[in-house]
N, C-alpha and C. Protein backbone atom coordinates (compact mmCIF):
# COMPACT_ATOMS: atom_id res chain seq x y z
N MET A 1 -63.67 -42.65 -92.87
CA MET A 1 -64.19 -41.11 -93.91
C MET A 1 -63.24 -41.11 -94.78
N VAL A 2 -63.48 -41.27 -95.56
CA VAL A 2 -62.27 -40.79 -96.73
C VAL A 2 -62.97 -40.27 -98.10
N VAL A 3 -62.86 -39.50 -98.44
CA VAL A 3 -63.06 -39.08 -99.72
C VAL A 3 -62.16 -38.70 -101.33
N THR A 4 -62.24 -39.19 -102.09
CA THR A 4 -60.95 -39.34 -103.31
C THR A 4 -60.87 -38.25 -103.72
N ARG A 5 -59.88 -37.43 -104.37
CA ARG A 5 -59.90 -36.30 -105.65
C ARG A 5 -60.05 -36.72 -106.50
N SER A 6 -60.74 -37.80 -107.12
CA SER A 6 -61.08 -38.03 -108.24
C SER A 6 -62.23 -37.66 -108.64
N VAL A 7 -62.35 -37.80 -110.28
CA VAL A 7 -63.69 -37.38 -111.01
C VAL A 7 -64.57 -38.42 -111.68
N PRO A 8 -65.82 -38.90 -111.17
CA PRO A 8 -65.85 -38.31 -109.72
C PRO A 8 -65.98 -38.58 -108.39
N HIS A 9 -65.64 -37.84 -107.64
CA HIS A 9 -65.68 -38.21 -105.97
C HIS A 9 -65.97 -39.43 -105.54
N VAL A 10 -65.07 -39.86 -104.99
CA VAL A 10 -65.68 -41.35 -104.31
C VAL A 10 -65.35 -41.25 -102.58
N GLY A 11 -66.00 -41.32 -102.04
CA GLY A 11 -66.14 -41.34 -100.59
C GLY A 11 -66.82 -42.68 -99.89
N TYR A 12 -66.12 -42.84 -98.60
CA TYR A 12 -67.04 -43.79 -97.28
C TYR A 12 -66.79 -43.94 -96.17
N LEU A 13 -67.67 -43.51 -95.64
CA LEU A 13 -68.02 -43.64 -94.38
C LEU A 13 -68.33 -45.13 -93.61
N LEU A 14 -68.27 -45.50 -92.36
CA LEU A 14 -68.64 -46.28 -92.27
C LEU A 14 -69.72 -45.56 -90.60
N ILE A 15 -70.96 -46.41 -91.02
CA ILE A 15 -72.00 -46.36 -89.66
C ILE A 15 -72.04 -46.97 -88.53
N PRO A 16 -72.34 -47.72 -87.72
CA PRO A 16 -71.64 -46.00 -86.74
C PRO A 16 -70.43 -45.87 -86.67
N HIS A 17 -69.80 -44.54 -86.85
CA HIS A 17 -68.14 -44.62 -86.80
C HIS A 17 -68.01 -44.63 -85.55
N ASP A 18 -66.72 -45.18 -85.82
CA ASP A 18 -65.72 -45.18 -84.61
C ASP A 18 -65.87 -46.47 -83.46
N LYS A 19 -66.76 -47.55 -84.33
CA LYS A 19 -67.39 -48.75 -83.58
C LYS A 19 -67.05 -49.77 -84.54
N PRO A 20 -66.98 -51.13 -83.49
CA PRO A 20 -66.57 -52.63 -84.58
C PRO A 20 -67.57 -52.94 -85.22
N SER A 21 -69.09 -52.84 -85.11
CA SER A 21 -70.42 -52.86 -85.45
C SER A 21 -71.06 -52.22 -85.51
N GLY A 22 -72.09 -52.59 -85.74
CA GLY A 22 -73.68 -51.64 -85.75
C GLY A 22 -74.49 -51.30 -86.96
N CYS A 23 -75.41 -50.42 -86.90
CA CYS A 23 -76.30 -50.17 -88.19
C CYS A 23 -76.20 -48.36 -88.01
N LEU A 24 -76.79 -47.83 -89.19
CA LEU A 24 -77.58 -46.39 -88.69
C LEU A 24 -78.60 -46.12 -87.76
N GLU A 25 -79.07 -47.44 -87.62
CA GLU A 25 -80.31 -47.34 -86.46
C GLU A 25 -79.47 -46.76 -85.15
N ASP A 26 -78.44 -47.79 -84.95
CA ASP A 26 -77.52 -47.13 -83.34
C ASP A 26 -77.10 -46.29 -83.35
N ALA A 27 -76.51 -45.65 -84.47
CA ALA A 27 -75.95 -43.95 -84.52
C ALA A 27 -77.07 -42.70 -84.12
N CYS A 28 -78.57 -43.74 -84.79
CA CYS A 28 -79.92 -42.54 -84.39
C CYS A 28 -79.91 -42.74 -82.96
N LEU A 29 -80.36 -43.72 -82.58
CA LEU A 29 -80.40 -44.40 -81.52
C LEU A 29 -79.74 -43.17 -80.64
N GLU A 30 -78.47 -43.55 -80.39
CA GLU A 30 -77.72 -42.83 -79.51
C GLU A 30 -78.30 -41.39 -79.72
N ALA A 31 -78.50 -40.74 -81.13
CA ALA A 31 -79.08 -39.48 -81.18
C ALA A 31 -80.31 -39.07 -80.79
N SER A 32 -81.11 -39.79 -79.75
CA SER A 32 -82.38 -39.78 -80.11
C SER A 32 -82.90 -38.32 -79.19
N THR A 33 -83.88 -37.29 -79.71
CA THR A 33 -84.19 -36.62 -78.65
C THR A 33 -85.57 -37.05 -78.10
N LEU A 34 -85.76 -38.41 -77.80
CA LEU A 34 -87.12 -38.23 -77.45
C LEU A 34 -86.81 -38.73 -75.54
N ALA A 35 -87.25 -38.40 -74.76
CA ALA A 35 -87.08 -38.54 -72.97
C ALA A 35 -86.31 -39.81 -72.66
N GLN A 36 -86.06 -40.30 -72.04
CA GLN A 36 -85.73 -41.42 -71.45
C GLN A 36 -86.50 -42.24 -71.03
N GLU A 37 -87.56 -41.91 -70.56
CA GLU A 37 -88.86 -42.56 -70.52
C GLU A 37 -89.77 -43.33 -72.06
N HIS A 38 -89.72 -42.88 -73.35
CA HIS A 38 -89.57 -42.86 -74.25
C HIS A 38 -88.66 -44.15 -74.97
N VAL A 39 -87.23 -44.33 -74.81
CA VAL A 39 -86.52 -45.12 -74.35
C VAL A 39 -86.96 -46.79 -74.04
N SER A 40 -87.14 -45.89 -72.58
CA SER A 40 -86.99 -47.00 -71.82
C SER A 40 -88.69 -48.01 -72.39
N CYS A 41 -88.92 -47.33 -72.51
CA CYS A 41 -90.33 -48.12 -73.51
C CYS A 41 -90.22 -48.76 -74.60
N ALA A 42 -89.43 -48.48 -75.35
CA ALA A 42 -89.16 -49.22 -76.54
C ALA A 42 -88.31 -50.35 -76.48
N ASP A 43 -87.11 -50.21 -75.08
CA ASP A 43 -86.27 -51.24 -74.87
C ASP A 43 -87.19 -52.41 -73.99
N LYS A 44 -88.84 -52.18 -73.65
CA LYS A 44 -89.14 -53.06 -73.08
C LYS A 44 -90.11 -54.11 -73.98
N PHE A 45 -90.23 -53.02 -74.99
CA PHE A 45 -90.97 -53.69 -75.96
C PHE A 45 -90.74 -54.77 -76.84
N LEU A 46 -88.86 -54.29 -77.23
CA LEU A 46 -87.98 -55.76 -77.39
C LEU A 46 -87.77 -56.36 -76.47
N GLU A 47 -88.02 -56.39 -75.01
CA GLU A 47 -87.76 -57.52 -74.36
C GLU A 47 -88.85 -58.16 -74.77
N CYS A 48 -90.27 -58.09 -74.57
CA CYS A 48 -91.02 -59.06 -74.83
C CYS A 48 -91.42 -59.30 -76.03
N ILE A 49 -90.55 -58.64 -77.27
CA ILE A 49 -90.76 -59.39 -78.19
C ILE A 49 -89.74 -60.43 -78.52
N LEU A 50 -88.31 -60.31 -77.89
CA LEU A 50 -87.35 -61.34 -77.80
C LEU A 50 -87.60 -62.58 -76.76
N GLN A 51 -89.04 -62.61 -76.24
CA GLN A 51 -89.41 -63.79 -75.23
C GLN A 51 -90.56 -64.36 -76.42
N HIS A 52 -90.82 -64.00 -77.26
CA HIS A 52 -91.43 -64.97 -78.32
C HIS A 52 -91.23 -65.40 -80.18
N ILE A 53 -89.40 -64.61 -79.82
CA ILE A 53 -89.31 -65.21 -80.98
C ILE A 53 -87.44 -66.02 -80.68
N PRO A 54 -86.97 -66.37 -81.87
CA PRO A 54 -85.29 -66.73 -81.28
C PRO A 54 -84.75 -65.27 -81.52
N PRO A 55 -83.78 -64.83 -80.97
CA PRO A 55 -82.89 -63.80 -80.65
C PRO A 55 -82.22 -63.27 -81.98
N LEU A 56 -82.83 -62.42 -82.79
CA LEU A 56 -81.71 -62.21 -83.85
C LEU A 56 -80.35 -61.26 -83.22
N ASN A 57 -80.06 -60.70 -85.23
CA ASN A 57 -78.55 -60.46 -84.76
C ASN A 57 -78.68 -58.62 -84.21
N PRO A 58 -77.28 -58.56 -83.73
CA PRO A 58 -77.92 -56.96 -83.30
C PRO A 58 -78.18 -55.39 -84.03
N ASN A 59 -78.02 -55.86 -85.17
CA ASN A 59 -78.41 -54.78 -86.39
C ASN A 59 -80.28 -54.63 -86.30
N TRP A 60 -80.48 -55.98 -86.51
CA TRP A 60 -82.23 -56.22 -86.09
C TRP A 60 -82.50 -55.54 -84.84
N ARG A 61 -82.17 -55.85 -83.63
CA ARG A 61 -82.44 -55.11 -82.27
C ARG A 61 -82.72 -53.71 -82.50
N ALA A 62 -81.59 -53.33 -83.11
CA ALA A 62 -81.70 -51.85 -83.11
C ALA A 62 -82.59 -51.09 -84.06
N LYS A 63 -83.11 -52.16 -85.38
CA LYS A 63 -83.88 -51.68 -86.29
C LYS A 63 -85.50 -51.71 -84.98
N VAL A 64 -85.18 -52.46 -84.66
CA VAL A 64 -86.81 -52.80 -83.33
C VAL A 64 -87.19 -51.05 -83.29
N ARG A 65 -86.17 -51.68 -81.94
CA ARG A 65 -86.04 -50.42 -80.96
C ARG A 65 -85.90 -48.98 -81.80
N LEU A 66 -85.48 -48.70 -83.08
CA LEU A 66 -85.67 -47.23 -83.32
C LEU A 66 -87.28 -47.58 -83.76
N HIS A 67 -87.80 -48.50 -84.66
CA HIS A 67 -88.96 -48.26 -84.57
C HIS A 67 -90.32 -47.94 -84.14
N ALA A 68 -90.10 -48.87 -82.80
CA ALA A 68 -90.78 -48.81 -81.60
C ALA A 68 -90.55 -46.99 -81.03
N LEU A 69 -89.29 -46.68 -81.16
CA LEU A 69 -89.19 -44.92 -80.81
C LEU A 69 -90.23 -44.19 -81.86
N ILE A 70 -89.70 -44.42 -82.96
CA ILE A 70 -91.20 -43.73 -83.99
C ILE A 70 -92.64 -43.88 -83.84
N ALA A 71 -92.59 -45.47 -83.45
CA ALA A 71 -94.16 -45.36 -83.10
C ALA A 71 -94.56 -44.90 -82.00
N GLY A 72 -94.18 -44.88 -80.90
CA GLY A 72 -94.31 -44.11 -79.84
C GLY A 72 -93.71 -42.83 -79.78
N SER A 73 -93.43 -42.25 -80.72
CA SER A 73 -92.92 -40.50 -80.41
C SER A 73 -94.31 -39.45 -80.31
N GLY A 74 -95.66 -39.94 -80.24
CA GLY A 74 -96.70 -39.17 -80.88
C GLY A 74 -96.66 -38.51 -81.53
N LYS A 75 -96.07 -38.39 -82.34
CA LYS A 75 -96.08 -38.60 -83.87
C LYS A 75 -96.85 -39.50 -84.99
N ASN A 76 -96.18 -39.57 -85.99
CA ASN A 76 -96.67 -40.61 -87.02
C ASN A 76 -96.82 -41.61 -86.77
N PRO A 77 -96.96 -42.83 -86.08
CA PRO A 77 -96.22 -43.90 -86.20
C PRO A 77 -95.64 -44.90 -87.44
N ALA A 78 -96.38 -44.62 -88.84
CA ALA A 78 -95.40 -44.97 -89.25
C ALA A 78 -94.40 -44.87 -90.34
N MET A 79 -94.14 -43.84 -89.70
CA MET A 79 -93.21 -42.64 -90.34
C MET A 79 -91.69 -43.60 -90.72
N THR A 80 -91.04 -43.49 -92.12
CA THR A 80 -89.49 -44.09 -92.19
C THR A 80 -89.07 -43.47 -91.45
N LEU A 81 -87.32 -43.71 -91.68
CA LEU A 81 -86.12 -43.35 -90.98
C LEU A 81 -85.89 -41.81 -91.44
N GLY A 82 -86.23 -41.38 -92.67
CA GLY A 82 -85.91 -40.30 -93.25
C GLY A 82 -86.75 -39.10 -93.02
N GLN A 83 -88.49 -40.22 -92.70
CA GLN A 83 -89.24 -38.94 -91.83
C GLN A 83 -89.52 -38.64 -90.83
N SER A 84 -88.54 -39.49 -90.02
CA SER A 84 -88.42 -39.35 -88.33
C SER A 84 -87.29 -38.16 -88.58
N ALA A 85 -86.62 -38.45 -89.03
CA ALA A 85 -85.38 -37.15 -89.40
C ALA A 85 -85.79 -35.79 -89.28
N LYS A 86 -87.01 -36.43 -90.20
CA LYS A 86 -87.01 -34.49 -90.42
C LYS A 86 -88.19 -33.92 -89.54
N ALA A 87 -89.08 -35.35 -88.69
CA ALA A 87 -89.79 -34.58 -87.50
C ALA A 87 -88.79 -34.04 -86.57
N GLY A 88 -87.67 -34.26 -86.58
CA GLY A 88 -87.19 -33.58 -85.27
C GLY A 88 -86.75 -34.82 -83.93
N LEU A 89 -86.87 -36.39 -85.06
CA LEU A 89 -86.77 -37.20 -83.71
C LEU A 89 -85.32 -37.71 -83.36
N TRP A 90 -84.10 -36.95 -84.57
CA TRP A 90 -82.65 -37.13 -84.09
C TRP A 90 -82.22 -35.86 -83.71
N ASP A 91 -81.00 -35.96 -83.15
CA ASP A 91 -80.08 -34.57 -82.97
C ASP A 91 -79.18 -34.90 -84.04
N PHE A 92 -79.17 -34.10 -85.10
CA PHE A 92 -77.98 -33.93 -85.97
C PHE A 92 -76.90 -33.87 -85.74
N THR A 93 -76.57 -32.84 -84.78
CA THR A 93 -75.99 -32.24 -83.61
C THR A 93 -74.70 -33.06 -82.94
N HIS A 94 -75.71 -34.29 -82.04
CA HIS A 94 -74.65 -35.49 -81.56
C HIS A 94 -74.05 -36.01 -82.49
N GLU A 95 -72.46 -36.47 -81.73
CA GLU A 95 -71.29 -36.93 -82.83
C GLU A 95 -71.53 -38.42 -83.48
N SER A 96 -72.84 -38.85 -82.90
CA SER A 96 -72.99 -40.07 -84.04
C SER A 96 -73.40 -39.83 -85.01
N LEU A 97 -74.33 -38.97 -85.13
CA LEU A 97 -74.88 -38.50 -86.62
C LEU A 97 -74.32 -37.61 -87.19
N LYS A 98 -73.38 -36.34 -86.32
CA LYS A 98 -72.92 -34.90 -87.26
C LYS A 98 -71.40 -35.71 -88.18
N ILE A 99 -71.05 -36.87 -87.56
CA ILE A 99 -70.25 -37.31 -88.63
C ILE A 99 -70.65 -37.16 -89.97
N MET A 100 -71.99 -37.99 -90.12
CA MET A 100 -72.33 -37.95 -91.64
C MET A 100 -72.42 -36.70 -92.06
N LEU A 101 -73.15 -35.31 -91.33
CA LEU A 101 -73.14 -34.19 -92.50
C LEU A 101 -71.58 -33.53 -92.44
N ASP A 102 -70.25 -33.92 -91.82
CA ASP A 102 -69.51 -33.64 -91.75
C ASP A 102 -68.80 -34.17 -93.19
N PHE A 103 -69.10 -35.49 -93.61
CA PHE A 103 -69.09 -36.34 -94.25
C PHE A 103 -68.83 -35.84 -95.47
N LEU A 104 -70.33 -35.40 -95.40
CA LEU A 104 -70.79 -35.08 -96.83
C LEU A 104 -70.65 -33.74 -97.46
N GLN A 105 -70.72 -33.02 -96.27
CA GLN A 105 -69.61 -31.29 -96.50
C GLN A 105 -68.35 -32.01 -97.11
N MET A 106 -67.26 -32.88 -96.58
CA MET A 106 -66.22 -33.33 -97.54
C MET A 106 -66.19 -33.46 -98.99
N MET A 107 -67.49 -34.23 -99.24
CA MET A 107 -67.79 -34.70 -100.43
C MET A 107 -67.86 -33.85 -101.30
N CYS A 108 -68.47 -32.68 -100.92
CA CYS A 108 -69.19 -31.13 -101.29
C CYS A 108 -68.03 -30.61 -101.59
N GLU A 109 -67.08 -30.57 -100.69
CA GLU A 109 -65.96 -29.01 -100.99
C GLU A 109 -64.82 -30.39 -101.42
N ALA A 110 -65.03 -31.39 -102.01
CA ALA A 110 -63.51 -32.14 -102.41
C ALA A 110 -63.49 -31.87 -104.03
N LYS A 111 -62.65 -31.62 -104.63
CA LYS A 111 -62.13 -30.74 -105.76
C LYS A 111 -61.17 -31.93 -106.62
């Protein structure tokens, strides 16, 4: 979470923040607004999928879980990650996502 004072401003933020590995989907999964029952269903879906294909990397698994949550949210099952954010599926006050908003604020305030 660093922003330079150069012009143009340059910054970087690793997501998920303060974790050794992961992806944006991991941060979203931590900040899900859906009930635990929905999350359990997404986990069961992933378990079923993994019975039929070779296991892939953890980022792939996070993406499958996230899209399963989106599909099972009761809203548009074909929503993109951005659309699902606008639909309120992710809590942007949760630390895993709030860090992104804080970073963008830092970028805006850099002089």
